[in-house]
């Protein structure tokens, strides 16, 4: 059982770090878009978003 668990967990921490680093980079540039700001405003104003793809 210990061997199976070790095999399953091998590289798991590195994979999680890689995935979360990638997710952070994606969120950072997406957060800077006009659509992101429009999404935040539209939710705060309780209206449908007017997204332009920018």
PDB file of N, CA and C in Angstrom:
ATOM      1  N   UNK A   1       0.830  -1.192   0.000  1.00  0.00           N
ATOM      2  CA  UNK A   1       0.000   0.000   0.000  1.00  0.00           C
ATOM      3  C   UNK A   1       0.872   1.253   0.000  1.00  0.00           C
ATOM      4  N   UNK A   2       1.932   1.250   0.789  1.00  0.00           N
ATOM      5  CA  UNK A   2       2.815   2.411   0.828  1.00  0.00           C
ATOM      6  C   UNK A   2       3.452   2.656  -0.537  1.00  0.00           C
ATOM      7  N   UNK A   3       3.812   1.568  -1.207  1.00  0.00           N
ATOM      8  CA  UNK A   3       4.426   1.683  -2.525  1.00  0.00           C
ATOM      9  C   UNK A   3       3.434   2.264  -3.534  1.00  0.00           C
ATOM     10  N   UNK A   4       2.199   1.824  -3.482  1.00  0.00           N
ATOM     11  CA  UNK A   4       1.172   2.326  -4.399  1.00  0.00           C
ATOM     12  C   UNK A   4       0.948   3.813  -4.158  1.00  0.00           C
ATOM     13  N   UNK A   5       0.827   4.203  -2.907  1.00  0.00           N
ATOM     14  CA  UNK A   5       0.630   5.617  -2.575  1.00  0.00           C
ATOM     15  C   UNK A   5       1.812   6.453  -3.040  1.00  0.00           C
ATOM     16  N   UNK A   6       3.014   5.974  -2.813  1.00  0.00           N
ATOM     17  CA  UNK A   6       4.211   6.710  -3.236  1.00  0.00           C
ATOM     18  C   UNK A   6       4.238   6.874  -4.752  1.00  0.00           C
ATOM     19  N   UNK A   7       3.867   5.829  -5.464  1.00  0.00           N
ATOM     20  CA  UNK A   7       3.844   5.894  -6.924  1.00  0.00           C
ATOM     21  C   UNK A   7       2.803   6.899  -7.406  1.00  0.00           C
ATOM     22  N   UNK A   8       1.632   6.874  -6.801  1.00  0.00           N
ATOM     23  CA  UNK A   8       0.578   7.802  -7.192  1.00  0.00           C
ATOM     24  C   UNK A   8       0.949   9.251  -6.896  1.00  0.00           C
ATOM     25  N   UNK A   9       1.662   9.464  -5.813  1.00  0.00           N
ATOM     26  CA  UNK A   9       2.016  10.819  -5.405  1.00  0.00           C
ATOM     27  C   UNK A   9       3.297  11.330  -6.062  1.00  0.00           C
ATOM     28  N   UNK A  10       4.011  10.469  -6.723  1.00  0.00           N
ATOM     29  CA  UNK A  10       5.276  10.857  -7.339  1.00  0.00           C
ATOM     30  C   UNK A  10       5.033  11.966  -8.359  1.00  0.00           C
ATOM     31  N   UNK A  11       5.666  13.085  -8.157  1.00  0.00           N
ATOM     32  CA  UNK A  11       5.537  14.204  -9.067  1.00  0.00           C
ATOM     33  C   UNK A  11       4.276  15.031  -8.878  1.00  0.00           C
ATOM     34  N   UNK A  12       3.425  14.647  -7.941  1.00  0.00           N
ATOM     35  CA  UNK A  12       2.164  15.361  -7.741  1.00  0.00           C
ATOM     36  C   UNK A  12       2.404  16.809  -7.312  1.00  0.00           C
ATOM     37  N   UNK A  13       3.288  17.020  -6.365  1.00  0.00           N
ATOM     38  CA  UNK A  13       3.549  18.378  -5.880  1.00  0.00           C
ATOM     39  C   UNK A  13       4.062  19.266  -7.008  1.00  0.00           C
ATOM     40  N   UNK A  14       4.964  18.742  -7.818  1.00  0.00           N
ATOM     41  CA  UNK A  14       5.502  19.529  -8.924  1.00  0.00           C
ATOM     42  C   UNK A  14       4.415  19.841  -9.951  1.00  0.00           C
ATOM     43  N   UNK A  15       3.552  18.879 -10.203  1.00  0.00           N
ATOM     44  CA  UNK A  15       2.459  19.093 -11.156  1.00  0.00           C
ATOM     45  C   UNK A  15       1.490  20.161 -10.658  1.00  0.00           C
ATOM     46  N   UNK A  16       1.218  20.144  -9.364  1.00  0.00           N
ATOM     47  CA  UNK A  16       0.320  21.145  -8.780  1.00  0.00           C
ATOM     48  C   UNK A  16       0.960  22.529  -8.867  1.00  0.00           C
ATOM     49  N   UNK A  17       2.235  22.619  -8.561  1.00  0.00           N
ATOM     50  CA  UNK A  17       2.945  23.901  -8.632  1.00  0.00           C
ATOM     51  C   UNK A  17       2.933  24.434 -10.066  1.00  0.00           C
ATOM     52  N   UNK A  18       3.218  23.579 -11.023  1.00  0.00           N
ATOM     53  CA  UNK A  18       3.218  23.984 -12.428  1.00  0.00           C
ATOM     54  C   UNK A  18       1.835  24.477 -12.848  1.00  0.00           C
ATOM     55  N   UNK A  19       0.810  23.746 -12.466  1.00  0.00           N
ATOM     56  CA  UNK A  19      -0.560  24.120 -12.840  1.00  0.00           C
ATOM     57  C   UNK A  19      -0.979  25.436 -12.193  1.00  0.00           C
ATOM     58  N   UNK A  20      -0.658  25.624 -10.930  1.00  0.00           N
ATOM     59  CA  UNK A  20      -1.063  26.861 -10.261  1.00  0.00           C
ATOM     60  C   UNK A  20      -0.259  28.055 -10.769  1.00  0.00           C
ATOM     61  N   UNK A  21       1.006  27.859 -11.121  1.00  0.00           N
ATOM     62  CA  UNK A  21       1.798  28.944 -11.720  1.00  0.00           C
ATOM     63  C   UNK A  21       1.182  29.372 -13.047  1.00  0.00           C
ATOM     64  N   UNK A  22       0.799  28.398 -13.861  1.00  0.00           N
ATOM     65  CA  UNK A  22       0.171  28.699 -15.150  1.00  0.00           C
ATOM     66  C   UNK A  22      -1.153  29.434 -14.938  1.00  0.00           C
ATOM     67  N   UNK A  23      -1.945  28.970 -13.999  1.00  0.00           N
ATOM     68  CA  UNK A  23      -3.235  29.597 -13.715  1.00  0.00           C
ATOM     69  C   UNK A  23      -3.045  31.042 -13.267  1.00  0.00           C
ATOM     70  N   UNK A  24      -2.053  31.310 -12.434  1.00  0.00           N
ATOM     71  CA  UNK A  24      -1.774  32.674 -11.975  1.00  0.00           C
ATOM     72  C   UNK A  24      -1.433  33.581 -13.149  1.00  0.00           C
ATOM     73  N   UNK A  25      -0.574  33.119 -14.039  1.00  0.00           N
ATOM     74  CA  UNK A  25      -0.195  33.928 -15.209  1.00  0.00           C
ATOM     75  C   UNK A  25      -1.410  34.244 -16.072  1.00  0.00           C
ATOM     76  N   UNK A  26      -2.257  33.253 -16.292  1.00  0.00           N
ATOM     77  CA  UNK A  26      -3.462  33.466 -17.097  1.00  0.00           C
ATOM     78  C   UNK A  26      -4.393  34.481 -16.428  1.00  0.00           C
ATOM     79  N   UNK A  27      -4.610  34.335 -15.126  1.00  0.00           N
ATOM     80  CA  UNK A  27      -5.505  35.241 -14.418  1.00  0.00           C
ATOM     81  C   UNK A  27      -4.970  36.661 -14.399  1.00  0.00           C
ATOM     82  N   UNK A  28      -3.655  36.815 -14.287  1.00  0.00           N
ATOM     83  CA  UNK A  28      -3.070  38.156 -14.253  1.00  0.00           C
ATOM     84  C   UNK A  28      -3.345  38.921 -15.542  1.00  0.00           C
ATOM     85  N   UNK A  29      -3.134  38.288 -16.698  1.00  0.00           N
ATOM     86  CA  UNK A  29      -3.372  39.041 -17.931  1.00  0.00           C
ATOM     87  C   UNK A  29      -4.857  39.191 -18.214  1.00  0.00           C
ATOM     88  N   UNK A  30      -5.657  38.192 -17.837  1.00  0.00           N
ATOM     89  CA  UNK A  30      -7.095  38.314 -18.058  1.00  0.00           C
ATOM     90  C   UNK A  30      -7.707  39.413 -17.190  1.00  0.00           C
ATOM     91  N   UNK A  31      -7.207  39.552 -15.975  1.00  0.00           N
ATOM     92  CA  UNK A  31      -7.721  40.560 -15.051  1.00  0.00           C
ATOM     93  C   UNK A  31      -7.498  41.972 -15.591  1.00  0.00           C
ATOM     94  N   UNK A  32      -6.501  42.146 -16.445  1.00  0.00           N
ATOM     95  CA  UNK A  32      -6.163  43.460 -16.989  1.00  0.00           C
ATOM     96  C   UNK A  32      -6.980  43.811 -18.230  1.00  0.00           C
ATOM     97  N   UNK A  33      -7.864  42.935 -18.693  1.00  0.00           N
ATOM     98  CA  UNK A  33      -8.622  43.203 -19.913  1.00  0.00           C
ATOM     99  C   UNK A  33      -9.838  44.084 -19.637  1.00  0.00           C
ATOM    100  N   UNK A  34     -10.294  44.736 -20.691  1.00  0.00           N
ATOM    101  CA  UNK A  34     -11.512  45.547 -20.589  1.00  0.00           C
ATOM    102  C   UNK A  34     -12.713  44.680 -20.224  1.00  0.00           C
ATOM    103  N   UNK A  35     -12.779  43.473 -20.777  1.00  0.00           N
ATOM    104  CA  UNK A  35     -13.902  42.583 -20.470  1.00  0.00           C
ATOM    105  C   UNK A  35     -13.951  42.210 -18.996  1.00  0.00           C
ATOM    106  N   UNK A  36     -12.801  42.032 -18.379  1.00  0.00           N
ATOM    107  CA  UNK A  36     -12.779  41.705 -16.948  1.00  0.00           C
ATOM    108  C   UNK A  36     -13.360  42.859 -16.138  1.00  0.00           C
ATOM    109  N   UNK A  37     -12.956  44.065 -16.489  1.00  0.00           N
ATOM    110  CA  UNK A  37     -13.473  45.236 -15.772  1.00  0.00           C
ATOM    111  C   UNK A  37     -14.977  45.395 -16.008  1.00  0.00           C
ATOM    112  N   UNK A  38     -15.414  45.145 -17.237  1.00  0.00           N
ATOM    113  CA  UNK A  38     -16.844  45.214 -17.550  1.00  0.00           C
ATOM    114  C   UNK A  38     -17.608  44.153 -16.774  1.00  0.00           C
ATOM    115  N   UNK A  39     -17.039  42.982 -16.653  1.00  0.00           N
ATOM    116  CA  UNK A  39     -17.697  41.928 -15.885  1.00  0.00           C
ATOM    117  C   UNK A  39     -17.891  42.315 -14.434  1.00  0.00           C
ATOM    118  N   UNK A  40     -16.885  42.899 -13.847  1.00  0.00           N
ATOM    119  CA  UNK A  40     -16.977  43.338 -12.449  1.00  0.00           C
ATOM    120  C   UNK A  40     -18.028  44.432 -12.304  1.00  0.00           C
ATOM    121  N   UNK A  41     -17.987  45.425 -13.215  1.00  0.00           N
ATOM    122  CA  UNK A  41     -18.969  46.519 -13.162  1.00  0.00           C
ATOM    123  C   UNK A  41     -20.396  46.008 -13.361  1.00  0.00           C
ATOM    124  N   UNK A  42     -20.568  45.117 -14.335  1.00  0.00           N
ATOM    125  CA  UNK A  42     -21.926  44.650 -14.625  1.00  0.00           C
ATOM    126  C   UNK A  42     -22.512  43.859 -13.455  1.00  0.00           C
ATOM    127  N   UNK A  43     -21.693  43.084 -12.776  1.00  0.00           N
ATOM    128  CA  UNK A  43     -22.189  42.350 -11.605  1.00  0.00           C
ATOM    129  C   UNK A  43     -22.538  43.332 -10.491  1.00  0.00           C
ATOM    130  N   UNK A  44     -21.662  44.317 -10.260  1.00  0.00           N
ATOM    131  CA  UNK A  44     -21.915  45.301  -9.204  1.00  0.00           C
ATOM    132  C   UNK A  44     -23.185  46.104  -9.492  1.00  0.00           C
ATOM    133  N   UNK A  45     -23.430  46.363 -10.780  1.00  0.00           N
ATOM    134  CA  UNK A  45     -24.599  47.148 -11.174  1.00  0.00           C
ATOM    135  C   UNK A  45     -25.813  46.278 -11.475  1.00  0.00           C
ATOM    136  N   UNK A  46     -25.676  44.981 -11.313  1.00  0.00           N
ATOM    137  CA  UNK A  46     -26.760  44.016 -11.520  1.00  0.00           C
ATOM    138  C   UNK A  46     -27.398  44.165 -12.895  1.00  0.00           C
ATOM    139  N   UNK A  47     -26.532  44.110 -13.906  1.00  0.00           N
ATOM    140  CA  UNK A  47     -26.988  44.204 -15.278  1.00  0.00           C
ATOM    141  C   UNK A  47     -26.202  43.209 -16.130  1.00  0.00           C
ATOM    142  N   UNK A  48     -26.724  42.878 -17.292  1.00  0.00           N
ATOM    143  CA  UNK A  48     -25.966  41.992 -18.188  1.00  0.00           C
ATOM    144  C   UNK A  48     -24.675  42.666 -18.650  1.00  0.00           C
ATOM    145  N   UNK A  49     -23.639  41.885 -18.825  1.00  0.00           N
ATOM    146  CA  UNK A  49     -22.373  42.438 -19.280  1.00  0.00           C
ATOM    147  C   UNK A  49     -22.413  42.778 -20.754  1.00  0.00           C
ATOM    148  N   UNK A  50     -21.655  43.800 -21.134  1.00  0.00           N
ATOM    149  CA  UNK A  50     -21.504  44.194 -22.534  1.00  0.00           C
ATOM    150  C   UNK A  50     -20.053  43.934 -22.914  1.00  0.00           C
ATOM    151  N   UNK A  51     -19.750  42.704 -23.303  1.00  0.00           N
ATOM    152  CA  UNK A  51     -18.384  42.284 -23.561  1.00  0.00           C
ATOM    153  C   UNK A  51     -17.994  42.518 -25.012  1.00  0.00           C
ATOM    154  N   UNK A  52     -16.762  42.998 -25.204  1.00  0.00           N
ATOM    155  CA  UNK A  52     -16.292  43.355 -26.541  1.00  0.00           C
ATOM    156  C   UNK A  52     -15.159  42.458 -27.026  1.00  0.00           C
ATOM    157  N   UNK A  53     -14.675  41.575 -26.192  1.00  0.00           N
ATOM    158  CA  UNK A  53     -13.567  40.713 -26.579  1.00  0.00           C
ATOM    159  C   UNK A  53     -12.209  41.379 -26.425  1.00  0.00           C
ATOM    160  N   UNK A  54     -12.170  42.453 -25.678  1.00  0.00           N
ATOM    161  CA  UNK A  54     -10.910  43.168 -25.444  1.00  0.00           C
ATOM    162  C   UNK A  54     -10.485  43.054 -24.001  1.00  0.00           C
TER     163      UNK A  54
END
